[in-house]
Amino acid sequence: MSAPAAPLRHCLEPGCPSLVAWGRCPAHRRRERVTANRFTVGAYGRPWRRLREAHLRDNPYCVDCLLEGRRMLGTDVDHIIPHRGDPVLIADPQNLQTLCETHHGRKTARESWSKGEW
């Protein structure tokens, strides 16, 4: 004897009228997978997340704020030398620094400006 079928529910995507047995409808499941892969494939997968967490644990303060005389917790782990996809530079702990969101945004803007991306 087979188990009774689960009642259909609305897709978890806000505003989607599709009925599904669980989760999201096929259209939204595919988009969800693409979004998740964008952050886990390539340079920024599990090894990077572990390295980042260890770096923030050992170096919790923004280095630029410290130079300015403030102790501000950092939120971003920045590559001192931009890695441009180089796996050696990505994984090199000596190439990492902790920055707050403000200082990281400024550094990124300076680097983009110097490369002519503006």
N, C-alpha and C. Protein backbone atom coordinates (compact mmCIF):
# COMPACT_ATOMS: atom_id res chain seq x y z
N MET A 1 0.84 -1.17 0.00
CA MET A 1 0.00 0.00 0.00
C MET A 1 0.89 1.24 0.00
N SER A 2 0.62 2.16 -0.88
CA SER A 2 1.45 3.36 -0.99
C SER A 2 0.94 4.44 -0.04
N ALA A 3 1.86 5.33 0.31
CA ALA A 3 1.51 6.43 1.22
C ALA A 3 0.61 7.42 0.49
N PRO A 4 -0.26 8.08 1.22
CA PRO A 4 -1.13 9.07 0.57
C PRO A 4 -0.29 10.25 0.07
N ALA A 5 -0.72 10.82 -1.02
CA ALA A 5 -0.01 11.97 -1.60
C ALA A 5 -0.15 13.18 -0.69
N ALA A 6 0.93 13.93 -0.56
CA ALA A 6 0.91 15.15 0.25
C ALA A 6 0.06 16.20 -0.45
N PRO A 7 -0.63 17.03 0.32
CA PRO A 7 -1.44 18.09 -0.32
C PRO A 7 -0.53 19.09 -1.02
N LEU A 8 -1.01 19.63 -2.13
CA LEU A 8 -0.23 20.61 -2.86
C LEU A 8 -0.24 21.94 -2.13
N ARG A 9 0.89 22.65 -2.22
CA ARG A 9 1.04 23.95 -1.59
C ARG A 9 1.49 24.95 -2.64
N HIS A 10 1.35 26.22 -2.33
CA HIS A 10 1.85 27.25 -3.23
C HIS A 10 3.38 27.24 -3.23
N CYS A 11 3.95 27.55 -4.38
CA CYS A 11 5.40 27.70 -4.53
C CYS A 11 5.89 28.69 -3.47
N LEU A 12 7.09 28.45 -2.92
CA LEU A 12 7.64 29.33 -1.88
C LEU A 12 8.07 30.70 -2.40
N GLU A 13 8.14 30.84 -3.71
CA GLU A 13 8.50 32.14 -4.29
C GLU A 13 7.32 33.09 -4.09
N PRO A 14 7.56 34.24 -3.44
CA PRO A 14 6.47 35.17 -3.19
C PRO A 14 5.72 35.55 -4.46
N GLY A 15 4.40 35.45 -4.41
CA GLY A 15 3.55 35.84 -5.52
C GLY A 15 3.35 34.79 -6.59
N CYS A 16 4.03 33.66 -6.51
CA CYS A 16 3.89 32.62 -7.52
C CYS A 16 2.63 31.79 -7.23
N PRO A 17 1.74 31.65 -8.22
CA PRO A 17 0.49 30.92 -8.00
C PRO A 17 0.63 29.41 -8.20
N SER A 18 1.79 28.92 -8.62
CA SER A 18 1.95 27.49 -8.92
C SER A 18 1.77 26.64 -7.67
N LEU A 19 1.17 25.48 -7.84
CA LEU A 19 1.01 24.53 -6.75
C LEU A 19 2.04 23.43 -6.90
N VAL A 20 2.71 23.10 -5.80
CA VAL A 20 3.76 22.09 -5.80
C VAL A 20 3.62 21.20 -4.57
N ALA A 21 4.24 20.04 -4.62
CA ALA A 21 4.21 19.14 -3.47
C ALA A 21 5.11 19.68 -2.35
N TRP A 22 6.22 20.33 -2.72
CA TRP A 22 7.13 20.91 -1.73
C TRP A 22 8.01 21.95 -2.40
N GLY A 23 8.53 22.89 -1.63
CA GLY A 23 9.51 23.85 -2.12
C GLY A 23 8.99 24.83 -3.15
N ARG A 24 9.75 24.94 -4.22
CA ARG A 24 9.45 25.89 -5.29
C ARG A 24 9.04 25.15 -6.56
N CYS A 25 8.36 25.86 -7.45
CA CYS A 25 7.99 25.29 -8.74
C CYS A 25 9.25 25.14 -9.59
N PRO A 26 9.21 24.37 -10.68
CA PRO A 26 10.41 24.17 -11.50
C PRO A 26 11.07 25.47 -11.98
N ALA A 27 10.27 26.46 -12.34
CA ALA A 27 10.86 27.71 -12.83
C ALA A 27 11.66 28.40 -11.74
N HIS A 28 11.16 28.43 -10.53
CA HIS A 28 11.86 29.11 -9.45
C HIS A 28 12.96 28.25 -8.84
N ARG A 29 12.83 26.95 -8.91
CA ARG A 29 13.89 26.06 -8.43
C ARG A 29 15.15 26.26 -9.26
N ARG A 30 14.97 26.39 -10.56
CA ARG A 30 16.12 26.58 -11.46
C ARG A 30 16.81 27.90 -11.15
N ARG A 31 16.04 28.97 -10.98
CA ARG A 31 16.64 30.28 -10.69
C ARG A 31 17.36 30.26 -9.35
N GLU A 32 16.78 29.56 -8.38
CA GLU A 32 17.39 29.44 -7.06
C GLU A 32 18.74 28.73 -7.16
N ARG A 33 18.80 27.68 -7.98
CA ARG A 33 20.03 26.91 -8.15
C ARG A 33 21.11 27.77 -8.79
N VAL A 34 20.75 28.55 -9.81
CA VAL A 34 21.71 29.43 -10.48
C VAL A 34 22.25 30.46 -9.51
N THR A 35 21.38 31.06 -8.70
CA THR A 35 21.81 32.06 -7.73
C THR A 35 22.74 31.45 -6.70
N ALA A 36 22.41 30.28 -6.20
CA ALA A 36 23.26 29.63 -5.20
C ALA A 36 24.62 29.28 -5.80
N ASN A 37 24.64 28.77 -7.03
CA ASN A 37 25.91 28.39 -7.66
C ASN A 37 26.81 29.59 -7.91
N ARG A 38 26.22 30.74 -8.15
CA ARG A 38 27.03 31.93 -8.42
C ARG A 38 27.95 32.23 -7.24
N PHE A 39 27.54 31.87 -6.03
CA PHE A 39 28.33 32.17 -4.86
C PHE A 39 29.18 31.00 -4.39
N THR A 40 28.99 29.81 -4.93
CA THR A 40 29.73 28.67 -4.42
C THR A 40 30.63 28.03 -5.45
N VAL A 41 30.47 28.35 -6.70
CA VAL A 41 31.28 27.74 -7.74
C VAL A 41 32.53 28.59 -7.95
N GLY A 42 33.63 27.97 -8.27
CA GLY A 42 34.84 28.73 -8.59
C GLY A 42 35.60 29.13 -7.34
N ALA A 43 36.02 30.38 -7.30
CA ALA A 43 36.92 30.86 -6.27
C ALA A 43 36.32 30.87 -4.88
N TYR A 44 35.02 31.06 -4.76
CA TYR A 44 34.43 31.29 -3.45
C TYR A 44 33.56 30.14 -2.97
N GLY A 45 34.10 28.94 -2.93
CA GLY A 45 33.39 27.78 -2.43
C GLY A 45 33.68 27.55 -0.96
N ARG A 46 33.49 26.32 -0.51
CA ARG A 46 33.67 25.97 0.89
C ARG A 46 35.08 26.26 1.40
N PRO A 47 36.16 25.95 0.65
CA PRO A 47 37.50 26.27 1.16
C PRO A 47 37.67 27.77 1.45
N TRP A 48 37.12 28.61 0.57
CA TRP A 48 37.23 30.06 0.81
C TRP A 48 36.46 30.46 2.06
N ARG A 49 35.25 29.92 2.21
CA ARG A 49 34.46 30.28 3.39
C ARG A 49 35.19 29.90 4.68
N ARG A 50 35.84 28.74 4.69
CA ARG A 50 36.59 28.31 5.87
C ARG A 50 37.79 29.23 6.12
N LEU A 51 38.50 29.58 5.06
CA LEU A 51 39.65 30.48 5.19
C LEU A 51 39.19 31.85 5.69
N ARG A 52 38.09 32.33 5.15
CA ARG A 52 37.54 33.63 5.54
C ARG A 52 37.14 33.62 7.01
N GLU A 53 36.43 32.59 7.45
CA GLU A 53 36.01 32.50 8.84
C GLU A 53 37.21 32.46 9.77
N ALA A 54 38.24 31.69 9.43
CA ALA A 54 39.44 31.61 10.25
C ALA A 54 40.15 32.96 10.30
N HIS A 55 40.20 33.64 9.16
CA HIS A 55 40.87 34.95 9.12
C HIS A 55 40.13 35.95 10.00
N LEU A 56 38.81 35.99 9.91
CA LEU A 56 38.03 36.93 10.73
C LEU A 56 38.13 36.58 12.22
N ARG A 57 38.23 35.32 12.53
CA ARG A 57 38.37 34.91 13.93
C ARG A 57 39.72 35.40 14.49
N ASP A 58 40.78 35.27 13.68
CA ASP A 58 42.12 35.65 14.13
C ASP A 58 42.40 37.15 13.97
N ASN A 59 41.69 37.82 13.07
CA ASN A 59 41.91 39.24 12.77
C ASN A 59 40.57 39.95 12.69
N PRO A 60 39.92 40.20 13.83
CA PRO A 60 38.55 40.71 13.79
C PRO A 60 38.40 42.19 13.45
N TYR A 61 39.48 42.97 13.53
CA TYR A 61 39.34 44.42 13.36
C TYR A 61 39.79 44.91 11.99
N CYS A 62 39.09 45.92 11.49
CA CYS A 62 39.42 46.54 10.21
C CYS A 62 40.81 47.18 10.31
N VAL A 63 41.72 46.81 9.41
CA VAL A 63 43.09 47.33 9.47
C VAL A 63 43.14 48.83 9.19
N ASP A 64 42.29 49.33 8.31
CA ASP A 64 42.28 50.76 8.01
C ASP A 64 41.73 51.57 9.19
N CYS A 65 40.71 51.06 9.86
CA CYS A 65 40.18 51.75 11.05
C CYS A 65 41.24 51.79 12.15
N LEU A 66 41.98 50.69 12.32
CA LEU A 66 43.05 50.67 13.32
C LEU A 66 44.09 51.74 13.02
N LEU A 67 44.43 51.92 11.73
CA LEU A 67 45.40 52.95 11.35
C LEU A 67 44.86 54.35 11.65
N GLU A 68 43.54 54.49 11.65
CA GLU A 68 42.91 55.78 11.95
C GLU A 68 42.65 55.95 13.45
N GLY A 69 43.07 54.97 14.25
CA GLY A 69 42.92 55.07 15.69
C GLY A 69 41.60 54.58 16.25
N ARG A 70 40.84 53.82 15.47
CA ARG A 70 39.55 53.28 15.92
C ARG A 70 39.59 51.77 15.90
N ARG A 71 38.88 51.13 16.82
CA ARG A 71 38.74 49.67 16.80
C ARG A 71 37.35 49.34 16.30
N MET A 72 37.26 49.01 15.02
CA MET A 72 35.98 48.70 14.39
C MET A 72 36.05 47.26 13.89
N LEU A 73 35.04 46.46 14.24
CA LEU A 73 35.02 45.08 13.75
C LEU A 73 34.91 45.08 12.24
N GLY A 74 35.70 44.24 11.61
CA GLY A 74 35.65 44.11 10.16
C GLY A 74 34.55 43.17 9.74
N THR A 75 34.04 43.38 8.54
CA THR A 75 33.00 42.53 7.99
C THR A 75 33.47 41.80 6.75
N ASP A 76 34.50 42.33 6.09
CA ASP A 76 34.95 41.79 4.81
C ASP A 76 36.40 41.33 4.89
N VAL A 77 36.67 40.21 4.25
CA VAL A 77 38.05 39.76 4.09
C VAL A 77 38.46 40.12 2.68
N ASP A 78 39.47 40.97 2.58
CA ASP A 78 39.89 41.54 1.31
C ASP A 78 41.21 40.94 0.87
N HIS A 79 41.36 40.75 -0.43
CA HIS A 79 42.65 40.34 -0.99
C HIS A 79 43.48 41.60 -1.20
N ILE A 80 44.62 41.68 -0.53
CA ILE A 80 45.50 42.84 -0.62
C ILE A 80 45.91 43.05 -2.08
N ILE A 81 46.40 41.99 -2.70
CA ILE A 81 46.69 42.01 -4.13
C ILE A 81 45.49 41.35 -4.80
N PRO A 82 44.76 42.07 -5.66
CA PRO A 82 43.59 41.45 -6.31
C PRO A 82 43.96 40.13 -6.99
N HIS A 83 43.17 39.11 -6.75
CA HIS A 83 43.54 37.77 -7.23
C HIS A 83 43.25 37.55 -8.71
N ARG A 84 42.28 38.24 -9.28
CA ARG A 84 41.93 38.10 -10.70
C ARG A 84 41.81 36.62 -11.11
N GLY A 85 41.30 35.79 -10.19
CA GLY A 85 41.08 34.38 -10.49
C GLY A 85 42.26 33.47 -10.23
N ASP A 86 43.39 34.02 -9.80
CA ASP A 86 44.58 33.21 -9.53
C ASP A 86 44.37 32.42 -8.24
N PRO A 87 44.30 31.09 -8.31
CA PRO A 87 44.00 30.29 -7.12
C PRO A 87 45.07 30.41 -6.03
N VAL A 88 46.30 30.70 -6.41
CA VAL A 88 47.36 30.86 -5.41
C VAL A 88 47.11 32.12 -4.58
N LEU A 89 46.78 33.23 -5.25
CA LEU A 89 46.49 34.48 -4.53
C LEU A 89 45.20 34.39 -3.73
N ILE A 90 44.23 33.65 -4.24
CA ILE A 90 42.96 33.51 -3.53
C ILE A 90 43.17 32.84 -2.18
N ALA A 91 43.97 31.78 -2.15
CA ALA A 91 44.12 30.96 -0.95
C ALA A 91 45.30 31.37 -0.08
N ASP A 92 46.05 32.40 -0.45
CA ASP A 92 47.22 32.81 0.32
C ASP A 92 46.80 33.62 1.55
N PRO A 93 46.96 33.09 2.76
CA PRO A 93 46.55 33.83 3.95
C PRO A 93 47.32 35.14 4.13
N GLN A 94 48.53 35.22 3.59
CA GLN A 94 49.32 36.46 3.69
C GLN A 94 48.77 37.55 2.79
N ASN A 95 47.87 37.19 1.88
CA ASN A 95 47.29 38.16 0.95
C ASN A 95 45.92 38.64 1.43
N LEU A 96 45.58 38.38 2.68
CA LEU A 96 44.27 38.74 3.19
C LEU A 96 44.37 39.83 4.25
N GLN A 97 43.36 40.68 4.29
CA GLN A 97 43.24 41.68 5.34
C GLN A 97 41.77 41.86 5.68
N THR A 98 41.52 42.23 6.91
CA THR A 98 40.15 42.48 7.35
C THR A 98 39.84 43.95 7.14
N LEU A 99 38.69 44.22 6.54
CA LEU A 99 38.23 45.59 6.34
C LEU A 99 36.77 45.71 6.75
N CYS A 100 36.37 46.90 7.17
CA CYS A 100 34.95 47.16 7.41
C CYS A 100 34.31 47.39 6.04
N GLU A 101 33.01 47.44 6.02
CA GLU A 101 32.30 47.60 4.75
C GLU A 101 32.68 48.91 4.05
N THR A 102 32.83 49.98 4.81
CA THR A 102 33.17 51.29 4.24
C THR A 102 34.54 51.26 3.57
N HIS A 103 35.55 50.77 4.29
CA HIS A 103 36.90 50.75 3.72
C HIS A 103 37.01 49.76 2.56
N HIS A 104 36.31 48.65 2.65
CA HIS A 104 36.35 47.70 1.54
C HIS A 104 35.73 48.31 0.28
N GLY A 105 34.62 49.03 0.46
CA GLY A 105 33.99 49.69 -0.69
C GLY A 105 34.91 50.73 -1.32
N ARG A 106 35.60 51.49 -0.48
CA ARG A 106 36.54 52.50 -1.00
C ARG A 106 37.69 51.85 -1.76
N LYS A 107 38.24 50.78 -1.21
CA LYS A 107 39.37 50.10 -1.87
C LYS A 107 38.91 49.51 -3.21
N THR A 108 37.75 48.90 -3.21
CA THR A 108 37.23 48.31 -4.44
C THR A 108 37.00 49.40 -5.49
N ALA A 109 36.47 50.54 -5.07
CA ALA A 109 36.23 51.64 -6.00
C ALA A 109 37.55 52.17 -6.57
N ARG A 110 38.57 52.31 -5.72
CA ARG A 110 39.89 52.77 -6.19
C ARG A 110 40.46 51.80 -7.22
N GLU A 111 40.36 50.50 -6.93
CA GLU A 111 40.89 49.50 -7.85
C GLU A 111 40.13 49.50 -9.18
N SER A 112 38.81 49.65 -9.11
CA SER A 112 38.01 49.69 -10.33
C SER A 112 38.33 50.93 -11.14
N TRP A 113 38.53 52.05 -10.45
CA TRP A 113 38.85 53.31 -11.11
C TRP A 113 40.19 53.20 -11.83
N SER A 114 41.18 52.61 -11.17
CA SER A 114 42.51 52.52 -11.76
C SER A 114 42.53 51.55 -12.96
N LYS A 115 41.60 50.59 -12.98
CA LYS A 115 41.52 49.66 -14.11
C LYS A 115 40.69 50.23 -15.25
N GLY A 116 40.09 51.40 -15.03
CA GLY A 116 39.28 52.01 -16.07
C GLY A 116 37.90 51.40 -16.22
N GLU A 117 37.38 50.80 -15.14
CA GLU A 117 36.05 50.18 -15.21
C GLU A 117 34.94 51.18 -14.97
N TRP A 118 35.26 52.47 -14.76
CA TRP A 118 34.22 53.46 -14.49
C TRP A 118 33.89 54.20 -15.73
